[in-house]
Amino acid sequence: MTSGLPDPSAPAGRAESRPRWLEILVILAVITAVLFAVELLDVVMNGRLDQHGIVPRTWSGLLGVVWAPFLHADFAHLISNLLPGLVLGFFVLLSGRAVVVTAVVWVVSGLGVWLIAPSTSVTVGASGIVFGWLTFLIVRGLFSRDVWQVLGGVVIAVIYGGILWGLLPGRESVSWQGHLFGAVGGVLAAWIVATTGGDKQKKQVTGPGAPPTIDQGGLF
């Protein structure tokens, strides 16, 4: 006769935890709520929060590298970044290397704007991160030599590749510098992940005689 109690000697798995996709959706929902709350506060403050964006080549403006992705010119600007950002962010989180990828893109995009954007500009918005996530997903398979990642990159490129035109100078109100350096950051992040991350590690531990491994399915 067996009882309904779990065996305490059995290894803990992810079966009892929430599905991974649900964890990702919760994270994206929290991020979305924070961004909308910040923009609502900015509206109440008559746009004064936007002054904390990236002001090129000033020490005080360097702090904008940290704050700019949270700030947007208006709700239309925020939504235009969220629409592709939520989809791309889902797959970046699914990769399990979201923190590394986002950190690299965030810094490279922000510093690029700080270095070469017009001195009279104040840059706000998360579009640099969106472009970085896009290029990361497109090229990561080329660095990791993973067929499925290459195919996934092709699909992403077909669906969202059109926004890469934003890398070129256009409207004065659009920071092509942030887009360009965000894209560069995404490629750099893909290289870093492939050379120091989980893909290389998996190849090392799955050879002949290697001990079995347990995939914890971490998001970060």
Protein backbone atom coordinates (compact mmCIF):
# COMPACT_ATOMS: atom_id res chain seq x y z
CA MET A 1 0.00 0.00 0.00
CA THR A 2 1.37 3.38 -0.92
CA SER A 3 0.62 6.72 0.68
CA GLY A 4 -0.02 9.99 -1.08
CA LEU A 5 2.93 11.65 0.65
CA PRO A 6 5.98 12.56 -1.47
CA ASP A 7 9.12 10.52 -0.99
CA PRO A 8 11.56 12.76 0.95
CA SER A 9 14.50 10.86 -0.53
CA ALA A 10 13.47 11.64 -4.10
CA PRO A 11 15.38 14.49 -5.82
CA ALA A 12 13.56 17.76 -6.07
CA GLY A 13 12.58 18.70 -9.60
CA ARG A 14 10.73 21.44 -11.41
CA ALA A 15 7.54 19.39 -11.66
CA GLU A 16 6.19 20.94 -8.45
CA SER A 17 7.14 24.49 -9.41
CA ARG A 18 5.41 26.83 -11.79
CA PRO A 19 5.97 26.31 -15.51
CA ARG A 20 8.94 28.23 -16.84
CA TRP A 21 6.87 30.15 -19.38
CA LEU A 22 4.59 31.32 -16.58
CA GLU A 23 7.56 32.59 -14.55
CA ILE A 24 8.69 34.55 -17.60
CA LEU A 25 5.26 36.07 -18.13
CA VAL A 26 5.17 37.16 -14.48
CA ILE A 27 8.57 38.85 -14.86
CA LEU A 28 7.46 40.63 -18.03
CA ALA A 29 4.21 41.72 -16.37
CA VAL A 30 6.15 43.23 -13.46
CA ILE A 31 8.51 45.05 -15.83
CA THR A 32 5.55 46.38 -17.81
CA ALA A 33 3.82 47.59 -14.65
CA VAL A 34 6.97 49.38 -13.49
CA LEU A 35 7.42 51.11 -16.85
CA PHE A 36 3.80 52.28 -16.93
CA ALA A 37 4.04 53.48 -13.33
CA VAL A 38 7.18 55.49 -14.11
CA GLU A 39 5.59 57.05 -17.19
CA LEU A 40 2.44 57.91 -15.23
CA LEU A 41 4.58 59.58 -12.59
CA ASP A 42 6.42 61.47 -15.33
CA VAL A 43 3.09 62.74 -16.69
CA VAL A 44 2.08 63.92 -13.21
CA MET A 45 5.44 65.70 -12.93
CA ASN A 46 5.00 67.38 -16.34
CA GLY A 47 7.82 65.41 -17.93
CA ARG A 48 10.48 66.39 -15.43
CA LEU A 49 11.69 62.80 -15.03
CA ASP A 50 12.86 62.82 -18.64
CA GLN A 51 15.57 65.29 -17.64
CA HIS A 52 17.35 62.31 -16.08
CA GLY A 53 17.96 60.68 -19.45
CA ILE A 54 21.35 60.46 -21.15
CA VAL A 55 22.96 63.86 -21.65
CA PRO A 56 26.01 63.26 -23.86
CA ARG A 57 29.52 63.90 -22.57
CA THR A 58 28.53 65.29 -19.16
CA TRP A 59 29.26 63.56 -15.88
CA SER A 60 25.74 64.12 -14.60
CA GLY A 61 24.33 62.86 -17.89
CA LEU A 62 26.31 59.65 -17.50
CA LEU A 63 23.83 58.63 -14.80
CA GLY A 64 21.23 58.63 -17.55
CA VAL A 65 22.76 55.37 -18.81
CA VAL A 66 21.15 53.76 -15.76
CA TRP A 67 17.80 55.56 -15.87
CA ALA A 68 17.09 56.10 -19.58
CA PRO A 69 15.49 52.68 -20.31
CA PHE A 70 12.89 53.35 -17.61
CA LEU A 71 11.96 56.75 -19.06
CA HIS A 72 9.91 57.50 -22.19
CA ALA A 73 8.78 60.64 -23.97
CA ASP A 74 5.10 59.63 -23.68
CA PHE A 75 2.87 56.56 -23.52
CA ALA A 76 2.99 56.12 -27.30
CA HIS A 77 6.79 55.94 -27.10
CA LEU A 78 6.55 53.41 -24.27
CA ILE A 79 4.05 51.19 -26.09
CA SER A 80 6.07 51.25 -29.32
CA ASN A 81 9.01 49.81 -27.37
CA LEU A 82 6.91 47.34 -25.39
CA LEU A 83 5.22 45.68 -28.38
CA PRO A 84 8.41 44.09 -29.77
CA GLY A 85 10.17 44.20 -26.41
CA LEU A 86 7.78 41.81 -24.68
CA VAL A 87 8.11 39.19 -27.41
CA LEU A 88 11.89 39.48 -27.70
CA GLY A 89 12.25 39.68 -23.93
CA PHE A 90 10.32 36.43 -23.56
CA PHE A 91 12.83 34.56 -25.71
CA VAL A 92 15.83 36.24 -24.08
CA LEU A 93 14.51 35.16 -20.67
CA LEU A 94 13.90 31.69 -22.08
CA SER A 95 17.58 31.51 -23.05
CA GLY A 96 18.49 31.51 -19.36
CA ARG A 97 21.05 34.31 -19.79
CA ALA A 98 18.80 37.35 -19.57
CA VAL A 99 20.77 39.21 -16.90
CA VAL A 100 24.10 38.94 -18.74
CA VAL A 101 22.60 39.80 -22.12
CA THR A 102 20.57 42.74 -20.84
CA ALA A 103 23.44 44.13 -18.77
CA VAL A 104 25.82 44.10 -21.75
CA VAL A 105 23.25 45.67 -24.07
CA TRP A 106 22.24 48.26 -21.45
CA VAL A 107 25.81 49.45 -20.88
CA VAL A 108 26.97 49.38 -24.51
CA SER A 109 23.85 51.15 -25.77
CA GLY A 110 23.92 53.80 -23.06
CA LEU A 111 27.62 54.54 -23.34
CA GLY A 112 27.37 54.72 -27.13
CA VAL A 113 24.67 57.38 -26.85
CA TRP A 114 26.67 59.24 -24.21
CA LEU A 115 29.73 59.28 -26.45
CA ILE A 116 28.37 60.27 -29.88
CA ALA A 117 24.83 61.67 -29.58
CA PRO A 118 24.39 65.43 -30.11
CA SER A 119 25.41 67.41 -27.05
CA THR A 120 22.06 69.21 -26.95
CA SER A 121 20.03 65.98 -26.79
CA VAL A 122 18.53 64.09 -23.87
CA THR A 123 17.94 60.44 -24.75
CA VAL A 124 15.29 58.32 -23.04
CA GLY A 125 13.67 55.00 -23.86
CA ALA A 126 14.27 51.25 -23.88
CA SER A 127 14.67 50.92 -27.65
CA GLY A 128 18.41 50.33 -27.34
CA ILE A 129 17.71 47.27 -25.21
CA VAL A 130 15.06 46.09 -27.67
CA PHE A 131 17.54 46.32 -30.55
CA GLY A 132 20.14 44.49 -28.46
CA TRP A 133 17.75 41.67 -27.65
CA LEU A 134 16.88 41.44 -31.34
CA THR A 135 20.46 41.09 -32.57
CA PHE A 136 21.30 38.70 -29.73
CA LEU A 137 18.50 36.37 -30.78
CA ILE A 138 19.42 36.66 -34.46
CA VAL A 139 23.15 35.92 -34.18
CA ARG A 140 23.59 33.78 -31.05
CA GLY A 141 23.28 30.55 -33.02
CA LEU A 142 26.22 31.59 -35.21
CA PHE A 143 28.46 31.80 -32.14
CA SER A 144 27.09 28.75 -30.32
CA ARG A 145 26.86 26.66 -33.54
CA ASP A 146 23.45 25.47 -32.46
CA VAL A 147 21.21 24.61 -35.41
CA TRP A 148 17.97 25.34 -33.55
CA GLN A 149 19.24 28.72 -32.40
CA VAL A 150 20.26 29.54 -35.97
CA LEU A 151 16.79 28.62 -37.23
CA GLY A 152 15.21 30.61 -34.41
CA GLY A 153 17.36 33.57 -35.37
CA VAL A 154 16.17 33.34 -38.96
CA VAL A 155 12.54 33.36 -37.84
CA ILE A 156 13.14 36.34 -35.55
CA ALA A 157 14.93 38.17 -38.38
CA VAL A 158 12.05 37.56 -40.78
CA ILE A 159 9.47 38.82 -38.28
CA TYR A 160 11.33 41.74 -36.70
CA GLY A 161 14.26 42.39 -39.02
CA GLY A 162 12.49 45.37 -40.55
CA ILE A 163 13.07 47.46 -37.45
CA LEU A 164 16.82 47.24 -38.07
CA TRP A 165 16.33 50.19 -40.44
CA GLY A 166 16.26 52.14 -37.19
CA LEU A 167 20.03 51.70 -37.04
CA LEU A 168 20.36 54.39 -39.71
CA PRO A 169 20.08 58.13 -39.08
CA GLY A 170 16.57 59.40 -39.70
CA ARG A 171 14.23 61.58 -37.68
CA GLU A 172 15.92 63.89 -35.21
CA SER A 173 13.61 62.70 -32.44
CA VAL A 174 14.78 59.08 -32.85
CA SER A 175 18.06 58.00 -31.27
CA TRP A 176 19.66 55.93 -33.99
CA GLN A 177 22.80 55.99 -31.84
CA GLY A 178 21.00 54.05 -29.11
CA HIS A 179 19.66 51.59 -31.68
CA LEU A 180 23.07 51.09 -33.29
CA PHE A 181 24.99 50.56 -30.07
CA GLY A 182 22.19 48.44 -28.65
CA ALA A 183 22.52 46.18 -31.68
CA VAL A 184 26.30 46.06 -31.22
CA GLY A 185 25.75 45.18 -27.57
CA GLY A 186 23.45 42.32 -28.58
CA VAL A 187 26.10 40.82 -30.86
CA LEU A 188 28.71 41.23 -28.12
CA ALA A 189 26.39 39.58 -25.60
CA ALA A 190 25.83 36.64 -27.96
CA TRP A 191 29.58 36.15 -28.25
CA ILE A 192 30.07 36.37 -24.47
CA VAL A 193 27.28 33.87 -23.80
CA ALA A 194 28.59 31.42 -26.40
CA THR A 195 32.20 31.56 -25.21
CA THR A 196 31.69 31.66 -21.45
CA GLY A 197 28.13 30.44 -20.92
CA GLY A 198 25.99 27.36 -20.70
CA ASP A 199 26.37 26.11 -24.29
CA LYS A 200 30.10 25.53 -23.89
CA GLN A 201 29.56 24.01 -20.46
CA LYS A 202 26.96 21.56 -21.75
CA LYS A 203 29.33 20.33 -24.46
CA GLN A 204 32.00 19.66 -21.83
CA VAL A 205 29.80 17.64 -19.51
CA THR A 206 28.00 15.53 -22.11
CA GLY A 207 31.06 13.75 -23.46
CA PRO A 208 31.89 10.04 -22.94
CA GLY A 209 32.08 9.12 -19.28
CA ALA A 210 30.73 12.46 -18.08
CA PRO A 211 28.40 12.38 -15.08
CA PRO A 212 24.70 13.07 -15.66
CA THR A 213 23.56 16.64 -15.14
CA ILE A 214 20.31 18.10 -13.89
CA ASP A 215 18.92 21.09 -15.74
CA GLN A 216 17.56 23.47 -13.11
CA GLY A 217 15.93 25.56 -15.83
CA GLY A 218 17.01 28.86 -14.36
CA LEU A 219 15.79 32.03 -16.02
CA PHE A 220 18.98 33.98 -15.52
